[in-house]
Amino acid sequence: MAYFIKNVVFATGLTEHTIRYYEKCGLLVNISRNKNGVRVFTDDDIFWIEIIKCLKNTGMKIEDIKSIVDLSLEGDHTCEERKNILLQHRKNILEQIEDLYKNLNKLDLKIAWYDDKENSCK
C-alpha cells in the first residue's frame, strides 16, 4: 500500500519534520516519490520507521541506528553483525531497567519515610 507523509505521521505518531530528518540522516532510504516529487511510503517504510522509533526511544544513538541501516543495505551477509548490535543494545536496556528499579526502590523507601513521619506527627 502507498502512504503520504500525513498518513505516516498518523500511523507512527512522529512529526513530518522528524520523518524528513530521518530520511536526511540516511535512516530512511529509498523513499519513493511520485511524479510531483511527493514522498510515497510503503508498508515496509513504516515498518522501518517503527524500528527506528523503538531504537531511538530506547536510547540508541542516530549514528548507531545508521550503522544498522547501512549494514542492512549491504545485504544478508551482515545479519549476524546487525543481530549482535541489537543484542548489545538489548543488554544495555536491561541494565538501564535494573538501575531504574534500584532507583525506584530508593524513592519508595523515601516516600515510606515521609509517610511514617506524617503518621508520627498526628
PDB file of N, CA and C in Angstrom:
ATOM      1  N   MET A   1       0.832  -1.179   0.000  1.00  0.00           N
ATOM      2  CA  MET A   1       0.000   0.000   0.000  1.00  0.00           C
ATOM      3  C   MET A   1       0.884   1.252   0.000  1.00  0.00           C
ATOM      4  N   ALA A   2       0.384   2.344  -0.503  1.00  0.00           N
ATOM      5  CA  ALA A   2       1.128   3.598  -0.582  1.00  0.00           C
ATOM      6  C   ALA A   2       0.540   4.614   0.392  1.00  0.00           C
ATOM      7  N   TYR A   3       1.451   5.335   1.068  1.00  0.00           N
ATOM      8  CA  TYR A   3       1.039   6.319   2.062  1.00  0.00           C
ATOM      9  C   TYR A   3       1.776   7.634   1.813  1.00  0.00           C
ATOM     10  N   PHE A   4       1.071   8.730   2.057  1.00  0.00           N
ATOM     11  CA  PHE A   4       1.711  10.034   2.032  1.00  0.00           C
ATOM     12  C   PHE A   4       2.179  10.365   3.442  1.00  0.00           C
ATOM     13  N   ILE A   5       2.986  11.389   3.561  1.00  0.00           N
ATOM     14  CA  ILE A   5       3.628  11.679   4.839  1.00  0.00           C
ATOM     15  C   ILE A   5       2.612  11.919   5.963  1.00  0.00           C
ATOM     16  N   LYS A   6       1.487  12.528   5.650  1.00  0.00           N
ATOM     17  CA  LYS A   6       0.467  12.769   6.686  1.00  0.00           C
ATOM     18  C   LYS A   6      -0.080  11.450   7.222  1.00  0.00           C
ATOM     19  N   ASN A   7      -0.218  10.443   6.344  1.00  0.00           N
ATOM     20  CA  ASN A   7      -0.646   9.119   6.797  1.00  0.00           C
ATOM     21  C   ASN A   7       0.398   8.493   7.709  1.00  0.00           C
ATOM     22  N   VAL A   8       1.667   8.691   7.356  1.00  0.00           N
ATOM     23  CA  VAL A   8       2.767   8.135   8.141  1.00  0.00           C
ATOM     24  C   VAL A   8       2.824   8.818   9.502  1.00  0.00           C
ATOM     25  N   VAL A   9       2.587  10.108   9.534  1.00  0.00           N
ATOM     26  CA  VAL A   9       2.531  10.852  10.798  1.00  0.00           C
ATOM     27  C   VAL A   9       1.449  10.244  11.687  1.00  0.00           C
ATOM     28  N   PHE A  10       0.288  10.017  11.124  1.00  0.00           N
ATOM     29  CA  PHE A  10      -0.826   9.443  11.883  1.00  0.00           C
ATOM     30  C   PHE A  10      -0.496   8.029  12.361  1.00  0.00           C
ATOM     31  N   ALA A  11       0.109   7.239  11.496  1.00  0.00           N
ATOM     32  CA  ALA A  11       0.402   5.839  11.820  1.00  0.00           C
ATOM     33  C   ALA A  11       1.508   5.685  12.858  1.00  0.00           C
ATOM     34  N   THR A  12       2.495   6.584  12.845  1.00  0.00           N
ATOM     35  CA  THR A  12       3.670   6.418  13.702  1.00  0.00           C
ATOM     36  C   THR A  12       3.699   7.345  14.916  1.00  0.00           C
ATOM     37  N   GLY A  13       2.951   8.437  14.852  1.00  0.00           N
ATOM     38  CA  GLY A  13       2.989   9.407  15.942  1.00  0.00           C
ATOM     39  C   GLY A  13       4.172  10.355  15.865  1.00  0.00           C
ATOM     40  N   LEU A  14       4.969  10.248  14.823  1.00  0.00           N
ATOM     41  CA  LEU A  14       6.093  11.162  14.629  1.00  0.00           C
ATOM     42  C   LEU A  14       5.626  12.394  13.861  1.00  0.00           C
ATOM     43  N   THR A  15       6.421  13.437  13.903  1.00  0.00           N
ATOM     44  CA  THR A  15       6.085  14.634  13.138  1.00  0.00           C
ATOM     45  C   THR A  15       6.634  14.507  11.711  1.00  0.00           C
ATOM     46  N   GLU A  16       6.101  15.319  10.829  1.00  0.00           N
ATOM     47  CA  GLU A  16       6.625  15.360   9.459  1.00  0.00           C
ATOM     48  C   GLU A  16       8.102  15.741   9.486  1.00  0.00           C
ATOM     49  N   HIS A  17       8.434  16.691  10.334  1.00  0.00           N
ATOM     50  CA  HIS A  17       9.827  17.140  10.447  1.00  0.00           C
ATOM     51  C   HIS A  17      10.744  15.965  10.824  1.00  0.00           C
ATOM     52  N   THR A  18      10.325  15.166  11.788  1.00  0.00           N
ATOM     53  CA  THR A  18      11.143  14.033  12.237  1.00  0.00           C
ATOM     54  C   THR A  18      11.319  13.014  11.119  1.00  0.00           C
ATOM     55  N   ILE A  19      10.258  12.734  10.402  1.00  0.00           N
ATOM     56  CA  ILE A  19      10.332  11.770   9.302  1.00  0.00           C
ATOM     57  C   ILE A  19      11.285  12.270   8.220  1.00  0.00           C
ATOM     58  N   ARG A  20      11.181  13.546   7.885  1.00  0.00           N
ATOM     59  CA  ARG A  20      12.102  14.116   6.896  1.00  0.00           C
ATOM     60  C   ARG A  20      13.542  14.093   7.415  1.00  0.00           C
ATOM     61  N   TYR A  21      13.714  14.370   8.702  1.00  0.00           N
ATOM     62  CA  TYR A  21      15.041  14.344   9.316  1.00  0.00           C
ATOM     63  C   TYR A  21      15.629  12.930   9.228  1.00  0.00           C
ATOM     64  N   TYR A  22      14.836  11.923   9.529  1.00  0.00           N
ATOM     65  CA  TYR A  22      15.314  10.543   9.439  1.00  0.00           C
ATOM     66  C   TYR A  22      15.738  10.199   8.012  1.00  0.00           C
ATOM     67  N   GLU A  23      15.004  10.714   7.045  1.00  0.00           N
ATOM     68  CA  GLU A  23      15.387  10.473   5.651  1.00  0.00           C
ATOM     69  C   GLU A  23      16.693  11.197   5.335  1.00  0.00           C
ATOM     70  N   LYS A  24      16.797  12.443   5.774  1.00  0.00           N
ATOM     71  CA  LYS A  24      18.002  13.235   5.510  1.00  0.00           C
ATOM     72  C   LYS A  24      19.237  12.611   6.149  1.00  0.00           C
ATOM     73  N   CYS A  25      19.069  12.016   7.339  1.00  0.00           N
ATOM     74  CA  CYS A  25      20.184  11.372   8.056  1.00  0.00           C
ATOM     75  C   CYS A  25      20.569  10.025   7.453  1.00  0.00           C
ATOM     76  N   GLY A  26      19.746   9.528   6.553  1.00  0.00           N
ATOM     77  CA  GLY A  26      20.042   8.234   5.946  1.00  0.00           C
ATOM     78  C   GLY A  26      19.452   7.063   6.705  1.00  0.00           C
ATOM     79  N   LEU A  27      18.540   7.345   7.632  1.00  0.00           N
ATOM     80  CA  LEU A  27      17.881   6.256   8.346  1.00  0.00           C
ATOM     81  C   LEU A  27      16.753   5.657   7.522  1.00  0.00           C
ATOM     82  N   LEU A  28      16.129   6.472   6.719  1.00  0.00           N
ATOM     83  CA  LEU A  28      15.097   6.014   5.786  1.00  0.00           C
ATOM     84  C   LEU A  28      15.666   6.153   4.384  1.00  0.00           C
ATOM     85  N   VAL A  29      15.817   5.037   3.736  1.00  0.00           N
ATOM     86  CA  VAL A  29      16.431   5.053   2.413  1.00  0.00           C
ATOM     87  C   VAL A  29      15.436   4.585   1.361  1.00  0.00           C
ATOM     88  N   ASN A  30      15.678   5.022   0.159  1.00  0.00           N
ATOM     89  CA  ASN A  30      14.883   4.612  -0.997  1.00  0.00           C
ATOM     90  C   ASN A  30      13.394   4.932  -0.865  1.00  0.00           C
ATOM     91  N   ILE A  31      13.086   6.072  -0.246  1.00  0.00           N
ATOM     92  CA  ILE A  31      11.691   6.502  -0.186  1.00  0.00           C
ATOM     93  C   ILE A  31      11.301   6.977  -1.581  1.00  0.00           C
ATOM     94  N   SER A  32      10.249   6.394  -2.094  1.00  0.00           N
ATOM     95  CA  SER A  32       9.800   6.745  -3.449  1.00  0.00           C
ATOM     96  C   SER A  32       9.163   8.128  -3.466  1.00  0.00           C
ATOM     97  N   ARG A  33       9.133   8.691  -4.634  1.00  0.00           N
ATOM     98  CA  ARG A  33       8.428   9.954  -4.848  1.00  0.00           C
ATOM     99  C   ARG A  33       7.547   9.809  -6.077  1.00  0.00           C
ATOM    100  N   ASN A  34       6.401  10.467  -6.019  1.00  0.00           N
ATOM    101  CA  ASN A  34       5.518  10.414  -7.188  1.00  0.00           C
ATOM    102  C   ASN A  34       5.973  11.427  -8.227  1.00  0.00           C
ATOM    103  N   LYS A  35       5.209  11.555  -9.294  1.00  0.00           N
ATOM    104  CA  LYS A  35       5.625  12.439 -10.390  1.00  0.00           C
ATOM    105  C   LYS A  35       5.720  13.903  -9.972  1.00  0.00           C
ATOM    106  N   ASN A  36       5.053  14.254  -8.856  1.00  0.00           N
ATOM    107  CA  ASN A  36       5.110  15.625  -8.354  1.00  0.00           C
ATOM    108  C   ASN A  36       6.209  15.810  -7.305  1.00  0.00           C
ATOM    109  N   GLY A  37       6.987  14.762  -7.068  1.00  0.00           N
ATOM    110  CA  GLY A  37       8.074  14.837  -6.101  1.00  0.00           C
ATOM    111  C   GLY A  37       7.647  14.627  -4.660  1.00  0.00           C
ATOM    112  N   VAL A  38       6.410  14.207  -4.469  1.00  0.00           N
ATOM    113  CA  VAL A  38       5.897  13.981  -3.120  1.00  0.00           C
ATOM    114  C   VAL A  38       6.304  12.583  -2.652  1.00  0.00           C
ATOM    115  N   ARG A  39       6.774  12.497  -1.409  1.00  0.00           N
ATOM    116  CA  ARG A  39       7.179  11.207  -0.847  1.00  0.00           C
ATOM    117  C   ARG A  39       5.986  10.253  -0.796  1.00  0.00           C
ATOM    118  N   VAL A  40       6.262   9.003  -1.193  1.00  0.00           N
ATOM    119  CA  VAL A  40       5.248   7.953  -1.123  1.00  0.00           C
ATOM    120  C   VAL A  40       5.873   6.800  -0.342  1.00  0.00           C
ATOM    121  N   PHE A  41       5.289   6.498   0.815  1.00  0.00           N
ATOM    122  CA  PHE A  41       5.819   5.482   1.707  1.00  0.00           C
ATOM    123  C   PHE A  41       5.092   4.158   1.513  1.00  0.00           C
ATOM    124  N   THR A  42       5.789   3.077   1.797  1.00  0.00           N
ATOM    125  CA  THR A  42       5.212   1.737   1.711  1.00  0.00           C
ATOM    126  C   THR A  42       5.055   1.169   3.121  1.00  0.00           C
ATOM    127  N   ASP A  43       4.417  -0.002   3.208  1.00  0.00           N
ATOM    128  CA  ASP A  43       4.311  -0.689   4.491  1.00  0.00           C
ATOM    129  C   ASP A  43       5.706  -0.995   5.045  1.00  0.00           C
ATOM    130  N   ASP A  44       6.623  -1.350   4.168  1.00  0.00           N
ATOM    131  CA  ASP A  44       7.991  -1.639   4.592  1.00  0.00           C
ATOM    132  C   ASP A  44       8.658  -0.388   5.179  1.00  0.00           C
ATOM    133  N   ASP A  45       8.409   0.768   4.575  1.00  0.00           N
ATOM    134  CA  ASP A  45       8.952   2.026   5.106  1.00  0.00           C
ATOM    135  C   ASP A  45       8.413   2.295   6.510  1.00  0.00           C
ATOM    136  N   ILE A  46       7.123   2.071   6.696  1.00  0.00           N
ATOM    137  CA  ILE A  46       6.515   2.287   8.014  1.00  0.00           C
ATOM    138  C   ILE A  46       7.093   1.297   9.028  1.00  0.00           C
ATOM    139  N   PHE A  47       7.326   0.065   8.596  1.00  0.00           N
ATOM    140  CA  PHE A  47       7.955  -0.922   9.468  1.00  0.00           C
ATOM    141  C   PHE A  47       9.321  -0.408   9.935  1.00  0.00           C
ATOM    142  N   TRP A  48      10.134   0.107   8.996  1.00  0.00           N
ATOM    143  CA  TRP A  48      11.454   0.641   9.338  1.00  0.00           C
ATOM    144  C   TRP A  48      11.342   1.829  10.287  1.00  0.00           C
ATOM    145  N   ILE A  49      10.359   2.680  10.047  1.00  0.00           N
ATOM    146  CA  ILE A  49      10.164   3.839  10.928  1.00  0.00           C
ATOM    147  C   ILE A  49       9.864   3.365  12.349  1.00  0.00           C
ATOM    148  N   GLU A  50       9.045   2.331  12.476  1.00  0.00           N
ATOM    149  CA  GLU A  50       8.721   1.803  13.805  1.00  0.00           C
ATOM    150  C   GLU A  50       9.963   1.215  14.478  1.00  0.00           C
ATOM    151  N   ILE A  51      10.806   0.544  13.718  1.00  0.00           N
ATOM    152  CA  ILE A  51      12.058   0.006  14.280  1.00  0.00           C
ATOM    153  C   ILE A  51      12.968   1.152  14.720  1.00  0.00           C
ATOM    154  N   ILE A  52      13.110   2.156  13.873  1.00  0.00           N
ATOM    155  CA  ILE A  52      13.933   3.324  14.207  1.00  0.00           C
ATOM    156  C   ILE A  52      13.395   3.992  15.463  1.00  0.00           C
ATOM    157  N   LYS A  53      12.091   4.153  15.512  1.00  0.00           N
ATOM    158  CA  LYS A  53      11.448   4.776  16.670  1.00  0.00           C
ATOM    159  C   LYS A  53      11.727   3.964  17.943  1.00  0.00           C
ATOM    160  N   CYS A  54      11.624   2.660  17.867  1.00  0.00           N
ATOM    161  CA  CYS A  54      11.900   1.782  19.001  1.00  0.00           C
ATOM    162  C   CYS A  54      13.346   1.946  19.470  1.00  0.00           C
ATOM    163  N   LEU A  55      14.265   1.896  18.534  1.00  0.00           N
ATOM    164  CA  LEU A  55      15.678   2.021  18.884  1.00  0.00           C
ATOM    165  C   LEU A  55      15.972   3.387  19.499  1.00  0.00           C
ATOM    166  N   LYS A  56      15.415   4.421  18.901  1.00  0.00           N
ATOM    167  CA  LYS A  56      15.618   5.783  19.399  1.00  0.00           C
ATOM    168  C   LYS A  56      15.008   5.930  20.795  1.00  0.00           C
ATOM    169  N   ASN A  57      13.788   5.420  20.983  1.00  0.00           N
ATOM    170  CA  ASN A  57      13.108   5.531  22.273  1.00  0.00           C
ATOM    171  C   ASN A  57      13.816   4.756  23.380  1.00  0.00           C
ATOM    172  N   THR A  58      14.632   3.790  22.996  1.00  0.00           N
ATOM    173  CA  THR A  58      15.354   3.002  23.994  1.00  0.00           C
ATOM    174  C   THR A  58      16.806   3.458  24.129  1.00  0.00           C
ATOM    175  N   GLY A  59      17.103   4.627  23.580  1.00  0.00           N
ATOM    176  CA  GLY A  59      18.385   5.259  23.833  1.00  0.00           C
ATOM    177  C   GLY A  59      19.479   5.023  22.813  1.00  0.00           C
ATOM    178  N   MET A  60      19.172   4.360  21.705  1.00  0.00           N
ATOM    179  CA  MET A  60      20.213   4.155  20.701  1.00  0.00           C
ATOM    180  C   MET A  60      20.462   5.469  19.960  1.00  0.00           C
ATOM    181  N   LYS A  61      21.724   5.762  19.738  1.00  0.00           N
ATOM    182  CA  LYS A  61      22.110   6.986  19.037  1.00  0.00           C
ATOM    183  C   LYS A  61      21.826   6.856  17.542  1.00  0.00           C
ATOM    184  N   ILE A  62      21.562   8.005  16.920  1.00  0.00           N
ATOM    185  CA  ILE A  62      21.279   8.059  15.485  1.00  0.00           C
ATOM    186  C   ILE A  62      22.412   7.386  14.701  1.00  0.00           C
ATOM    187  N   GLU A  63      23.656   7.633  15.088  1.00  0.00           N
ATOM    188  CA  GLU A  63      24.797   7.055  14.368  1.00  0.00           C
ATOM    189  C   GLU A  63      24.757   5.525  14.397  1.00  0.00           C
ATOM    190  N   ASP A  64      24.354   4.966  15.542  1.00  0.00           N
ATOM    191  CA  ASP A  64      24.285   3.509  15.675  1.00  0.00           C
ATOM    192  C   ASP A  64      23.118   2.937  14.863  1.00  0.00           C
ATOM    193  N   ILE A  65      22.008   3.657  14.855  1.00  0.00           N
ATOM    194  CA  ILE A  65      20.872   3.227  14.027  1.00  0.00           C
ATOM    195  C   ILE A  65      21.286   3.262  12.560  1.00  0.00           C
ATOM    196  N   LYS A  66      22.018   4.307  12.186  1.00  0.00           N
ATOM    197  CA  LYS A  66      22.503   4.427  10.806  1.00  0.00           C
ATOM    198  C   LYS A  66      23.404   3.253  10.447  1.00  0.00           C
ATOM    199  N   SER A  67      24.205   2.789  11.384  1.00  0.00           N
ATOM    200  CA  SER A  67      25.061   1.624  11.132  1.00  0.00           C
ATOM    201  C   SER A  67      24.217   0.398  10.792  1.00  0.00           C
ATOM    202  N   ILE A  68      23.137   0.215  11.514  1.00  0.00           N
ATOM    203  CA  ILE A  68      22.246  -0.917  11.238  1.00  0.00           C
ATOM    204  C   ILE A  68      21.635  -0.783   9.854  1.00  0.00           C
ATOM    205  N   VAL A  69      21.178   0.424   9.514  1.00  0.00           N
ATOM    206  CA  VAL A  69      20.590   0.665   8.190  1.00  0.00           C
ATOM    207  C   VAL A  69      21.621   0.393   7.103  1.00  0.00           C
ATOM    208  N   ASP A  70      22.817   0.922   7.284  1.00  0.00           N
ATOM    209  CA  ASP A  70      23.878   0.734   6.284  1.00  0.00           C
ATOM    210  C   ASP A  70      24.217  -0.747   6.113  1.00  0.00           C
ATOM    211  N   LEU A  71      24.324  -1.458   7.228  1.00  0.00           N
ATOM    212  CA  LEU A  71      24.606  -2.895   7.152  1.00  0.00           C
ATOM    213  C   LEU A  71      23.476  -3.630   6.447  1.00  0.00           C
ATOM    214  N   SER A  72      22.262  -3.222   6.709  1.00  0.00           N
ATOM    215  CA  SER A  72      21.102  -3.837   6.067  1.00  0.00           C
ATOM    216  C   SER A  72      21.161  -3.657   4.551  1.00  0.00           C
ATOM    217  N   LEU A  73      21.606  -2.488   4.125  1.00  0.00           N
ATOM    218  CA  LEU A  73      21.704  -2.211   2.691  1.00  0.00           C
ATOM    219  C   LEU A  73      22.786  -3.051   2.026  1.00  0.00           C
ATOM    220  N   GLU A  74      23.774  -3.484   2.822  1.00  0.00           N
ATOM    221  CA  GLU A  74      24.843  -4.315   2.281  1.00  0.00           C
ATOM    222  C   GLU A  74      24.381  -5.734   1.970  1.00  0.00           C
ATOM    223  N   GLY A  75      23.301  -6.158   2.617  1.00  0.00           N
ATOM    224  CA  GLY A  75      22.760  -7.473   2.300  1.00  0.00           C
ATOM    225  C   GLY A  75      22.746  -8.435   3.469  1.00  0.00           C
ATOM    226  N   ASP A  76      22.274  -9.640   3.169  1.00  0.00           N
ATOM    227  CA  ASP A  76      22.065 -10.654   4.198  1.00  0.00           C
ATOM    228  C   ASP A  76      23.341 -11.117   4.880  1.00  0.00           C
ATOM    229  N   HIS A  77      24.483 -10.952   4.242  1.00  0.00           N
ATOM    230  CA  HIS A  77      25.728 -11.401   4.867  1.00  0.00           C
ATOM    231  C   HIS A  77      26.077 -10.580   6.118  1.00  0.00           C
ATOM    232  N   THR A  78      25.327  -9.496   6.380  1.00  0.00           N
ATOM    233  CA  THR A  78      25.563  -8.680   7.569  1.00  0.00           C
ATOM    234  C   THR A  78      24.561  -8.974   8.685  1.00  0.00           C
ATOM    235  N   CYS A  79      23.734  -9.981   8.506  1.00  0.00           N
ATOM    236  CA  CYS A  79      22.697 -10.289   9.504  1.00  0.00           C
ATOM    237  C   CYS A  79      23.280 -10.525  10.891  1.00  0.00           C
ATOM    238  N   GLU A  80      24.346 -11.285  10.961  1.00  0.00           N
ATOM    239  CA  GLU A  80      24.954 -11.598  12.255  1.00  0.00           C
ATOM    240  C   GLU A  80      25.459 -10.341  12.944  1.00  0.00           C
ATOM    241  N   GLU A  81      26.072  -9.454  12.177  1.00  0.00           N
ATOM    242  CA  GLU A  81      26.582  -8.200  12.744  1.00  0.00           C
ATOM    243  C   GLU A  81      25.438  -7.323  13.256  1.00  0.00           C
ATOM    244  N   ARG A  82      24.358  -7.246  12.487  1.00  0.00           N
ATOM    245  CA  ARG A  82      23.188  -6.467  12.910  1.00  0.00           C
ATOM    246  C   ARG A  82      22.576  -7.068  14.172  1.00  0.00           C
ATOM    247  N   LYS A  83      22.482  -8.385  14.193  1.00  0.00           N
ATOM    248  CA  LYS A  83      21.931  -9.066  15.360  1.00  0.00           C
ATOM    249  C   LYS A  83      22.772  -8.767  16.590  1.00  0.00           C
ATOM    250  N   ASN A  84      24.093  -8.788  16.448  1.00  0.00           N
ATOM    251  CA  ASN A  84      24.975  -8.509  17.581  1.00  0.00           C
ATOM    252  C   ASN A  84      24.797  -7.088  18.104  1.00  0.00           C
ATOM    253  N   ILE A  85      24.605  -6.142  17.208  1.00  0.00           N
ATOM    254  CA  ILE A  85      24.348  -4.756  17.622  1.00  0.00           C
ATOM    255  C   ILE A  85      23.069  -4.699  18.448  1.00  0.00           C
ATOM    256  N   LEU A  86      22.034  -5.387  17.962  1.00  0.00           N
ATOM    257  CA  LEU A  86      20.756  -5.387  18.673  1.00  0.00           C
ATOM    258  C   LEU A  86      20.855  -6.126  20.010  1.00  0.00           C
ATOM    259  N   LEU A  87      21.614  -7.210  20.058  1.00  0.00           N
ATOM    260  CA  LEU A  87      21.797  -7.930  21.318  1.00  0.00           C
ATOM    261  C   LEU A  87      22.515  -7.059  22.344  1.00  0.00           C
ATOM    262  N   GLN A  88      23.519  -6.310  21.907  1.00  0.00           N
ATOM    263  CA  GLN A  88      24.219  -5.404  22.821  1.00  0.00           C
ATOM    264  C   GLN A  88      23.281  -4.305  23.302  1.00  0.00           C
ATOM    265  N   HIS A  89      22.474  -3.788  22.399  1.00  0.00           N
ATOM    266  CA  HIS A  89      21.515  -2.746  22.777  1.00  0.00           C
ATOM    267  C   HIS A  89      20.507  -3.298  23.785  1.00  0.00           C
ATOM    268  N   ARG A  90      20.055  -4.518  23.556  1.00  0.00           N
ATOM    269  CA  ARG A  90      19.125  -5.175  24.484  1.00  0.00           C
ATOM    270  C   ARG A  90      19.759  -5.304  25.866  1.00  0.00           C
ATOM    271  N   LYS A  91      21.024  -5.699  25.907  1.00  0.00           N
ATOM    272  CA  LYS A  91      21.746  -5.820  27.174  1.00  0.00           C
ATOM    273  C   LYS A  91      21.800  -4.463  27.881  1.00  0.00           C
ATOM    274  N   ASN A  92      22.074  -3.406  27.120  1.00  0.00           N
ATOM    275  CA  ASN A  92      22.105  -2.057  27.699  1.00  0.00           C
ATOM    276  C   ASN A  92      20.750  -1.669  28.278  1.00  0.00           C
ATOM    277  N   ILE A  93      19.678  -2.003  27.578  1.00  0.00           N
ATOM    278  CA  ILE A  93      18.331  -1.682  28.053  1.00  0.00           C
ATOM    279  C   ILE A  93      18.045  -2.417  29.360  1.00  0.00           C
ATOM    280  N   LEU A  94      18.408  -3.696  29.414  1.00  0.00           N
ATOM    281  CA  LEU A  94      18.188  -4.463  30.645  1.00  0.00           C
ATOM    282  C   LEU A  94      18.963  -3.873  31.821  1.00  0.00           C
ATOM    283  N   GLU A  95      20.161  -3.394  31.568  1.00  0.00           N
ATOM    284  CA  GLU A  95      20.944  -2.737  32.619  1.00  0.00           C
ATOM    285  C   GLU A  95      20.274  -1.444  33.077  1.00  0.00           C
ATOM    286  N   GLN A  96      19.721  -0.694  32.124  1.00  0.00           N
ATOM    287  CA  GLN A  96      19.007   0.537  32.462  1.00  0.00           C
ATOM    288  C   GLN A  96      17.769   0.229  33.296  1.00  0.00           C
ATOM    289  N   ILE A  97      17.052  -0.835  32.928  1.00  0.00           N
ATOM    290  CA  ILE A  97      15.861  -1.231  33.676  1.00  0.00           C
ATOM    291  C   ILE A  97      16.240  -1.599  35.111  1.00  0.00           C
ATOM    292  N   GLU A  98      17.332  -2.343  35.269  1.00  0.00           N
ATOM    293  CA  GLU A  98      17.806  -2.714  36.602  1.00  0.00           C
ATOM    294  C   GLU A  98      18.131  -1.472  37.424  1.00  0.00           C
ATOM    295  N   ASP A  99      18.818  -0.510  36.810  1.00  0.00           N
ATOM    296  CA  ASP A  99      19.136   0.743  37.503  1.00  0.00           C
ATOM    297  C   ASP A  99      17.866   1.504  37.870  1.00  0.00           C
ATOM    298  N   LEU A 100      16.891   1.517  36.982  1.00  0.00           N
ATOM    299  CA  LEU A 100      15.629   2.202  37.267  1.00  0.00           C
ATOM    300  C   LEU A 100      14.909   1.551  38.452  1.00  0.00           C
ATOM    301  N   TYR A 101      14.894   0.220  38.504  1.00  0.00           N
ATOM    302  CA  TYR A 101      14.271  -0.478  39.636  1.00  0.00           C
ATOM    303  C   TYR A 101      14.975  -0.147  40.949  1.00  0.00           C
ATOM    304  N   LYS A 102      16.302  -0.096  40.923  1.00  0.00           N
ATOM    305  CA  LYS A 102      17.048   0.263  42.134  1.00  0.00           C
ATOM    306  C   LYS A 102      16.667   1.669  42.586  1.00  0.00           C
ATOM    307  N   ASN A 103      16.601   2.586  41.652  1.00  0.00           N
ATOM    308  CA  ASN A 103      16.236   3.961  41.991  1.00  0.00           C
ATOM    309  C   ASN A 103      14.787   4.062  42.446  1.00  0.00           C
ATOM    310  N   LEU A 104      13.908   3.296  41.825  1.00  0.00           N
ATOM    311  CA  LEU A 104      12.506   3.276  42.242  1.00  0.00           C
ATOM    312  C   LEU A 104      12.387   2.776  43.677  1.00  0.00           C
ATOM    313  N   ASN A 105      13.147   1.752  44.021  1.00  0.00           N
ATOM    314  CA  ASN A 105      13.126   1.239  45.400  1.00  0.00           C
ATOM    315  C   ASN A 105      13.602   2.298  46.386  1.00  0.00           C
ATOM    316  N   LYS A 106      14.627   3.070  46.023  1.00  0.00           N
ATOM    317  CA  LYS A 106      15.104   4.148  46.895  1.00  0.00           C
ATOM    318  C   LYS A 106      14.015   5.208  47.084  1.00  0.00           C
ATOM    319  N   LEU A 107      13.329   5.542  45.989  1.00  0.00           N
ATOM    320  CA  LEU A 107      12.232   6.511  46.096  1.00  0.00           C
ATOM    321  C   LEU A 107      11.116   5.983  46.990  1.00  0.00           C
ATOM    322  N   ASP A 108      10.781   4.707  46.837  1.00  0.00           N
ATOM    323  CA  ASP A 108       9.737   4.108  47.670  1.00  0.00           C
ATOM    324  C   ASP A 108      10.109   4.166  49.147  1.00  0.00           C
ATOM    325  N   LEU A 109      11.383   3.905  49.445  1.00  0.00           N
ATOM    326  CA  LEU A 109      11.843   3.999  50.836  1.00  0.00           C
ATOM    327  C   LEU A 109      11.708   5.422  51.371  1.00  0.00           C
ATOM    328  N   LYS A 110      12.055   6.390  50.565  1.00  0.00           N
ATOM    329  CA  LYS A 110      11.948   7.796  50.990  1.00  0.00           C
ATOM    330  C   LYS A 110      10.488   8.192  51.179  1.00  0.00           C
ATOM    331  N   ILE A 111       9.628   7.751  50.285  1.00  0.00           N
ATOM    332  CA  ILE A 111       8.195   8.045  50.414  1.00  0.00           C
ATOM    333  C   ILE A 111       7.650   7.406  51.685  1.00  0.00           C
ATOM    334  N   ALA A 112       8.059   6.154  51.956  1.00  0.00           N
ATOM    335  CA  ALA A 112       7.632   5.477  53.182  1.00  0.00           C
ATOM    336  C   ALA A 112       8.113   6.241  54.420  1.00  0.00           C
ATOM    337  N   TRP A 113       9.335   6.790  54.341  1.00  0.00           N
ATOM    338  CA  TRP A 113       9.864   7.587  55.455  1.00  0.00           C
ATOM    339  C   TRP A 113       8.960   8.787  55.708  1.00  0.00           C
ATOM    340  N   TYR A 114       8.537   9.469  54.617  1.00  0.00           N
ATOM    341  CA  TYR A 114       7.639  10.612  54.773  1.00  0.00           C
ATOM    342  C   TYR A 114       6.290  10.178  55.334  1.00  0.00           C
ATOM    343  N   ASP A 115       5.786   9.028  54.875  1.00  0.00           N
ATOM    344  CA  ASP A 115       4.521   8.517  55.407  1.00  0.00           C
ATOM    345  C   ASP A 115       4.635   8.272  56.914  1.00  0.00           C
ATOM    346  N   ASP A 116       5.737   7.663  57.350  1.00  0.00           N
ATOM    347  CA  ASP A 116       5.945   7.411  58.772  1.00  0.00           C
ATOM    348  C   ASP A 116       6.033   8.712  59.555  1.00  0.00           C
ATOM    349  N   LYS A 117       6.731   9.693  58.976  1.00  0.00           N
ATOM    350  CA  LYS A 117       6.890  10.994  59.638  1.00  0.00           C
ATOM    351  C   LYS A 117       5.536  11.676  59.789  1.00  0.00           C
ATOM    352  N   GLU A 118       4.704  11.626  58.760  1.00  0.00           N
ATOM    353  CA  GLU A 118       3.362  12.228  58.830  1.00  0.00           C
ATOM    354  C   GLU A 118       2.533  11.549  59.899  1.00  0.00           C
ATOM    355  N   ASN A 119       2.609  10.227  59.989  1.00  0.00           N
ATOM    356  CA  ASN A 119       1.812   9.489  60.963  1.00  0.00           C
ATOM    357  C   ASN A 119       2.277   9.784  62.396  1.00  0.00           C
ATOM    358  N   SER A 120       3.592  10.007  62.555  1.00  0.00           N
ATOM    359  CA  SER A 120       4.088  10.272  63.908  1.00  0.00           C
ATOM    360  C   SER A 120       3.788  11.703  64.347  1.00  0.00           C
ATOM    361  N   CYS A 121       3.485  12.585  63.399  1.00  0.00           N
ATOM    362  CA  CYS A 121       3.194  13.978  63.733  1.00  0.00           C
ATOM    363  C   CYS A 121       1.718  14.198  64.061  1.00  0.00           C
ATOM    364  N   LYS A 122       0.912  13.186  63.900  1.00  0.00           N
ATOM    365  CA  LYS A 122      -0.535  13.353  64.134  1.00  0.00           C
ATOM    366  C   LYS A 122      -0.882  13.071  65.548  1.00  0.00           C
TER     367      LYS A 122
END
